[in-house]
Amino acid sequence: MKPHRIIALLPLVAILSACNAVVLHPSGDVAVQQRDLLLYATELMAIVIVPVAFLTILFAWHYRHTNTKARYEPEWHHSTKLEVVIWGVPVIIIIFLGMATWTTAHTLDPYRQITRIAPDQLVPPGTKPLQIEVVALDWKWLFIYPEQGIATVNDVAAPVNQPIEFRLTSSRVQNALSIPALAGQVYAMPGMETELHAVINEPGDYRGYSSRFSGAGFSKMHFTFHGKSAADFDKWVADAKATGTTLDSATYLQLAVPSEGEPVHRYANVDPELYKTILDRCVGQSPNMCLSTMRANDLKKGNGLCRPNVASN
């Protein structure tokens, strides 16, 4: 290869060497199954793509202008065998791809509790998942552990091989939580709650971020997910209880003020009703009526029934 071509390829090599292909090397079983579906779909599509790419080059070379031995058949217009291949192979691929996607989409539904920890290890009966309540703020992430009574900002941890149940909402605008090593993304919306069930199988620190543009501080809206042993997780919780402050409605309203590059900090105590009021959009002295109250009033006015619109005179 000529020197100038080698030099031209150096930027591409540098870019590829800096890539962290976490999607292809995940550490959580849900993400592993998603990776397997991606590879399976790629292999199926390669059955068509690779021969077509090869034949395109072959045809261009064989029927080049200077090849006088190539057969010239301007009246040729049909071949049953060729039609069977052109239409039959893609149909078969679509059938197999559709079956795999249908099965996996239901198995990996983010609202569905996971049934296995690893390919050869089912979730033991009676296992209780670790509950983490997530609030997307501007521009930071708040994680509340209701059972442990702590909360963290831009920092989250979970024990290895224990099912995790994320419950998500947003303070102001729609957002999306993404931890590629753990599972796929899931949206967080004001006044609504979404769920994500997953498990981490390997200890380590993994990158999490917002995968939906949400304003000026979006690019700095990232955090670290820690996969820890049970003992290390207990120590992590104990450290939060020892060094953190209290997260109540007043503290939350201060935290909810938009900020960029928010540092990691922890709260040793959390108002047990805080997440519920965030979801209900009526934290502290908020002038907004709670969504649950609005719905109750609407049902009361309508006697619990939907009334048809009546045109006024």
Foldseek 3Di string as FASTA:
>chain_A
DDPVVVVVCVVVVVVVVPDDPCLCVFQWAQSPLVNVLVVVLVVLVCVPVVVVVVVVVVCCVCPPPPNPPDDDDPPDDDDPVVVCVVPVSVVVSCVVNVVSCVVSCVQQVFVDAHQARHPVGGDDPPADAFEWEWECAQDWIKIARLVLQKIKIQEEEDEASGKHKYKAAYQAAKWWKQFSNWHGIDIHYALDIDIGIIGGHDFDKTKMAIPDDDDDQRVQHIHIYGHHHPVVVVVVSVVLLVPAAEDALVNVVVVRPRDHNDDMGMHNHYDSCQSVCSSQNHGDPDPDDGVVVVVVVVCVVVVNDDDDDDDDD
